[in-house]
Amino acid sequence: MAAAGGPAMHLQPAIKRPHHRDARQFIKFLFVGGLNTLFGYGIFAFFLSLHFHYSLAALLSTLLGILFNFKTYGSLVFKNSDNRVLFKFLGVYGTTYLLGVSSIAILKSFHMSVFVAGAILAVPMALISFLLNRRFVFKRSTP
């Protein structure tokens, strides 16, 4: 047995706890996602107020929203403002869109309301989007 204050008292656990930084980054991702949603809807409403057809307003707000999202997620969440990763970001957007629509279709086949399916998928899809963006788009420069 080690003496009081000896080496056994100062052993560090071999297994690290879940990264607190990652959890904070995900929460920041969700808040910035809320900001991005407000921006996208604001642009949509702006174009509607200019009497644009809703389909054109939706298209323009989506395109501008993607660019805005790229900059806000990159700079505010992942601390990466490298514009060269825009196409990877678009790839993640496309992937999460297809995964989300497919998941809704599966839940709908079980006679679930599309509204309920979308609500159920909101957090898991946000987590998937976060992980894909962190892993493939806004990679950490240091471990």
C-alpha atoms as a PDB file:
ATOM      1  CA  MET A   1       0.000   0.000   0.000  1.00  0.00           C
ATOM      2  CA  ALA A   2       1.320   3.442  -0.883  1.00  0.00           C
ATOM      3  CA  ALA A   3       2.021   5.937   1.833  1.00  0.00           C
ATOM      4  CA  ALA A   4      -0.360   8.875   2.188  1.00  0.00           C
ATOM      5  CA  GLY A   5       0.462  11.333  -0.554  1.00  0.00           C
ATOM      6  CA  GLY A   6       2.545   8.702  -2.373  1.00  0.00           C
ATOM      7  CA  PRO A   7       2.398   7.848  -6.074  1.00  0.00           C
ATOM      8  CA  ALA A   8      -0.899   5.949  -5.851  1.00  0.00           C
ATOM      9  CA  MET A   9      -2.680   9.120  -4.740  1.00  0.00           C
ATOM     10  CA  HIS A  10      -1.750  11.028  -7.893  1.00  0.00           C
ATOM     11  CA  LEU A  11      -2.634   8.530 -10.618  1.00  0.00           C
ATOM     12  CA  GLN A  12      -4.578   9.991 -13.535  1.00  0.00           C
ATOM     13  CA  PRO A  13      -7.418   7.873 -14.943  1.00  0.00           C
ATOM     14  CA  ALA A  14      -6.352   6.136 -18.165  1.00  0.00           C
ATOM     15  CA  ILE A  15      -9.715   6.790 -19.812  1.00  0.00           C
ATOM     16  CA  LYS A  16     -10.523  10.403 -20.620  1.00  0.00           C
ATOM     17  CA  ARG A  17     -13.963  11.840 -19.926  1.00  0.00           C
ATOM     18  CA  PRO A  18     -16.117  12.874 -22.880  1.00  0.00           C
ATOM     19  CA  HIS A  19     -14.810  16.072 -24.355  1.00  0.00           C
ATOM     20  CA  HIS A  20     -16.522  18.982 -22.677  1.00  0.00           C
ATOM     21  CA  ARG A  21     -15.257  21.180 -25.515  1.00  0.00           C
ATOM     22  CA  ASP A  22     -17.120  19.037 -28.063  1.00  0.00           C
ATOM     23  CA  ALA A  23     -20.379  19.362 -26.131  1.00  0.00           C
ATOM     24  CA  ARG A  24     -19.972  23.146 -25.932  1.00  0.00           C
ATOM     25  CA  GLN A  25     -19.185  23.251 -29.634  1.00  0.00           C
ATOM     26  CA  PHE A  26     -22.349  21.265 -30.442  1.00  0.00           C
ATOM     27  CA  ILE A  27     -24.466  23.610 -28.301  1.00  0.00           C
ATOM     28  CA  LYS A  28     -22.888  26.571 -30.094  1.00  0.00           C
ATOM     29  CA  PHE A  29     -23.697  24.797 -33.383  1.00  0.00           C
ATOM     30  CA  LEU A  30     -27.370  24.619 -32.356  1.00  0.00           C
ATOM     31  CA  PHE A  31     -27.495  28.304 -31.390  1.00  0.00           C
ATOM     32  CA  VAL A  32     -25.801  29.365 -34.619  1.00  0.00           C
ATOM     33  CA  GLY A  33     -28.293  27.112 -36.431  1.00  0.00           C
ATOM     34  CA  GLY A  34     -31.072  29.174 -34.849  1.00  0.00           C
ATOM     35  CA  LEU A  35     -29.395  32.358 -36.050  1.00  0.00           C
ATOM     36  CA  ASN A  36     -29.069  30.841 -39.528  1.00  0.00           C
ATOM     37  CA  THR A  37     -32.762  29.924 -39.533  1.00  0.00           C
ATOM     38  CA  LEU A  38     -33.737  33.480 -38.625  1.00  0.00           C
ATOM     39  CA  PHE A  39     -31.497  34.840 -41.373  1.00  0.00           C
ATOM     40  CA  GLY A  40     -32.920  32.449 -43.987  1.00  0.00           C
ATOM     41  CA  TYR A  41     -36.507  33.202 -43.053  1.00  0.00           C
ATOM     42  CA  GLY A  42     -35.771  36.924 -42.938  1.00  0.00           C
ATOM     43  CA  ILE A  43     -34.392  36.813 -46.484  1.00  0.00           C
ATOM     44  CA  PHE A  44     -37.394  34.753 -47.621  1.00  0.00           C
ATOM     45  CA  ALA A  45     -39.802  37.273 -46.067  1.00  0.00           C
ATOM     46  CA  PHE A  46     -37.816  40.158 -47.568  1.00  0.00           C
ATOM     47  CA  PHE A  47     -38.162  38.751 -51.091  1.00  0.00           C
ATOM     48  CA  LEU A  48     -41.854  38.061 -50.521  1.00  0.00           C
ATOM     49  CA  SER A  49     -42.309  41.675 -49.434  1.00  0.00           C
ATOM     50  CA  LEU A  50     -40.786  42.699 -52.782  1.00  0.00           C
ATOM     51  CA  HIS A  51     -43.551  40.613 -54.441  1.00  0.00           C
ATOM     52  CA  PHE A  52     -41.238  37.840 -55.629  1.00  0.00           C
ATOM     53  CA  HIS A  53     -43.013  34.536 -56.326  1.00  0.00           C
ATOM     54  CA  TYR A  54     -42.661  32.282 -53.273  1.00  0.00           C
ATOM     55  CA  SER A  55     -40.665  29.711 -55.262  1.00  0.00           C
ATOM     56  CA  LEU A  56     -38.085  32.308 -56.307  1.00  0.00           C
ATOM     57  CA  ALA A  57     -38.038  33.780 -52.792  1.00  0.00           C
ATOM     58  CA  ALA A  58     -37.404  30.293 -51.407  1.00  0.00           C
ATOM     59  CA  LEU A  59     -34.649  29.576 -53.935  1.00  0.00           C
ATOM     60  CA  LEU A  60     -32.834  32.859 -53.328  1.00  0.00           C
ATOM     61  CA  SER A  61     -33.167  32.639 -49.553  1.00  0.00           C
ATOM     62  CA  THR A  62     -31.871  29.067 -49.624  1.00  0.00           C
ATOM     63  CA  LEU A  63     -28.835  30.006 -51.729  1.00  0.00           C
ATOM     64  CA  LEU A  64     -28.027  33.065 -49.623  1.00  0.00           C
ATOM     65  CA  GLY A  65     -28.762  31.078 -46.480  1.00  0.00           C
ATOM     66  CA  ILE A  66     -26.274  28.358 -47.417  1.00  0.00           C
ATOM     67  CA  LEU A  67     -23.553  30.964 -47.942  1.00  0.00           C
ATOM     68  CA  PHE A  68     -24.458  32.678 -44.658  1.00  0.00           C
ATOM     69  CA  ASN A  69     -24.510  29.308 -42.845  1.00  0.00           C
ATOM     70  CA  PHE A  70     -21.111  28.419 -44.279  1.00  0.00           C
ATOM     71  CA  LYS A  71     -19.578  31.609 -42.911  1.00  0.00           C
ATOM     72  CA  THR A  72     -21.296  31.487 -39.503  1.00  0.00           C
ATOM     73  CA  TYR A  73     -20.664  27.799 -38.824  1.00  0.00           C
ATOM     74  CA  GLY A  74     -17.113  28.136 -40.075  1.00  0.00           C
ATOM     75  CA  SER A  75     -16.149  31.224 -38.109  1.00  0.00           C
ATOM     76  CA  LEU A  76     -18.375  31.070 -35.010  1.00  0.00           C
ATOM     77  CA  VAL A  77     -18.501  27.325 -34.339  1.00  0.00           C
ATOM     78  CA  PHE A  78     -15.465  25.703 -35.939  1.00  0.00           C
ATOM     79  CA  LYS A  79     -13.054  28.707 -36.002  1.00  0.00           C
ATOM     80  CA  ASN A  80     -12.298  28.071 -39.670  1.00  0.00           C
ATOM     81  CA  SER A  81     -12.866  30.703 -42.339  1.00  0.00           C
ATOM     82  CA  ASP A  82     -11.264  28.813 -45.240  1.00  0.00           C
ATOM     83  CA  ASN A  83     -13.485  29.436 -48.281  1.00  0.00           C
ATOM     84  CA  ARG A  84     -11.863  26.502 -50.110  1.00  0.00           C
ATOM     85  CA  VAL A  85     -14.054  24.058 -48.144  1.00  0.00           C
ATOM     86  CA  LEU A  86     -17.337  25.500 -49.495  1.00  0.00           C
ATOM     87  CA  PHE A  87     -17.880  22.560 -51.855  1.00  0.00           C
ATOM     88  CA  LYS A  88     -17.390  20.094 -48.995  1.00  0.00           C
ATOM     89  CA  PHE A  89     -19.958  22.108 -47.019  1.00  0.00           C
ATOM     90  CA  LEU A  90     -22.380  21.825 -49.948  1.00  0.00           C
ATOM     91  CA  GLY A  91     -21.734  18.082 -49.997  1.00  0.00           C
ATOM     92  CA  VAL A  92     -22.637  17.812 -46.315  1.00  0.00           C
ATOM     93  CA  TYR A  93     -25.784  19.869 -46.965  1.00  0.00           C
ATOM     94  CA  GLY A  94     -26.776  17.506 -49.789  1.00  0.00           C
ATOM     95  CA  THR A  95     -26.007  14.416 -47.735  1.00  0.00           C
ATOM     96  CA  THR A  96     -28.005  15.558 -44.718  1.00  0.00           C
ATOM     97  CA  TYR A  97     -30.892  16.610 -46.973  1.00  0.00           C
ATOM     98  CA  LEU A  98     -31.057  13.147 -48.583  1.00  0.00           C
ATOM     99  CA  LEU A  99     -30.694  11.402 -45.233  1.00  0.00           C
ATOM    100  CA  GLY A 100     -33.410  13.557 -43.676  1.00  0.00           C
ATOM    101  CA  VAL A 101     -35.875  13.097 -46.524  1.00  0.00           C
ATOM    102  CA  SER A 102     -35.202   9.341 -46.594  1.00  0.00           C
ATOM    103  CA  SER A 103     -35.702   9.106 -42.836  1.00  0.00           C
ATOM    104  CA  ILE A 104     -38.994  10.983 -43.049  1.00  0.00           C
ATOM    105  CA  ALA A 105     -40.135   8.639 -45.827  1.00  0.00           C
ATOM    106  CA  ILE A 106     -39.313   5.614 -43.655  1.00  0.00           C
ATOM    107  CA  LEU A 107     -41.185   7.023 -40.645  1.00  0.00           C
ATOM    108  CA  LYS A 108     -44.082   7.995 -42.906  1.00  0.00           C
ATOM    109  CA  SER A 109     -44.297   4.366 -44.099  1.00  0.00           C
ATOM    110  CA  PHE A 110     -45.132   3.500 -40.473  1.00  0.00           C
ATOM    111  CA  HIS A 111     -48.071   5.939 -40.723  1.00  0.00           C
ATOM    112  CA  MET A 112     -46.291   8.656 -38.779  1.00  0.00           C
ATOM    113  CA  SER A 113     -47.209  12.244 -39.484  1.00  0.00           C
ATOM    114  CA  VAL A 114     -44.582  14.104 -41.511  1.00  0.00           C
ATOM    115  CA  PHE A 115     -44.747  16.875 -38.898  1.00  0.00           C
ATOM    116  CA  VAL A 116     -43.993  14.424 -36.088  1.00  0.00           C
ATOM    117  CA  ALA A 117     -41.282  12.688 -38.124  1.00  0.00           C
ATOM    118  CA  GLY A 118     -39.588  16.030 -38.814  1.00  0.00           C
ATOM    119  CA  ALA A 119     -39.744  16.959 -35.138  1.00  0.00           C
ATOM    120  CA  ILE A 120     -38.310  13.595 -34.065  1.00  0.00           C
ATOM    121  CA  LEU A 121     -35.479  13.891 -36.579  1.00  0.00           C
ATOM    122  CA  ALA A 122     -34.528  17.494 -35.788  1.00  0.00           C
ATOM    123  CA  VAL A 123     -31.936  16.776 -33.083  1.00  0.00           C
ATOM    124  CA  PRO A 124     -30.449  13.614 -34.634  1.00  0.00           C
ATOM    125  CA  MET A 125     -30.094  15.399 -37.986  1.00  0.00           C
ATOM    126  CA  ALA A 126     -28.463  18.382 -36.265  1.00  0.00           C
ATOM    127  CA  LEU A 127     -26.010  16.005 -34.582  1.00  0.00           C
ATOM    128  CA  ILE A 128     -25.230  14.279 -37.890  1.00  0.00           C
ATOM    129  CA  SER A 129     -24.753  17.641 -39.599  1.00  0.00           C
ATOM    130  CA  PHE A 130     -22.457  18.778 -36.785  1.00  0.00           C
ATOM    131  CA  LEU A 131     -20.351  15.605 -36.933  1.00  0.00           C
ATOM    132  CA  LEU A 132     -20.059  15.651 -40.734  1.00  0.00           C
ATOM    133  CA  ASN A 133     -19.108  19.331 -40.758  1.00  0.00           C
ATOM    134  CA  ARG A 134     -16.575  18.850 -37.988  1.00  0.00           C
ATOM    135  CA  ARG A 135     -15.051  15.744 -39.571  1.00  0.00           C
ATOM    136  CA  PHE A 136     -15.097  16.557 -43.289  1.00  0.00           C
ATOM    137  CA  VAL A 137     -15.494  20.305 -43.746  1.00  0.00           C
ATOM    138  CA  PHE A 138     -14.125  22.295 -40.810  1.00  0.00           C
ATOM    139  CA  LYS A 139     -11.417  19.878 -39.657  1.00  0.00           C
ATOM    140  CA  ARG A 140      -9.427  20.787 -36.602  1.00  0.00           C
ATOM    141  CA  SER A 141      -5.943  21.905 -37.473  1.00  0.00           C
ATOM    142  CA  THR A 142      -4.598  20.574 -34.177  1.00  0.00           C
ATOM    143  CA  PRO A 143      -5.678  17.441 -32.280  1.00  0.00           C
END
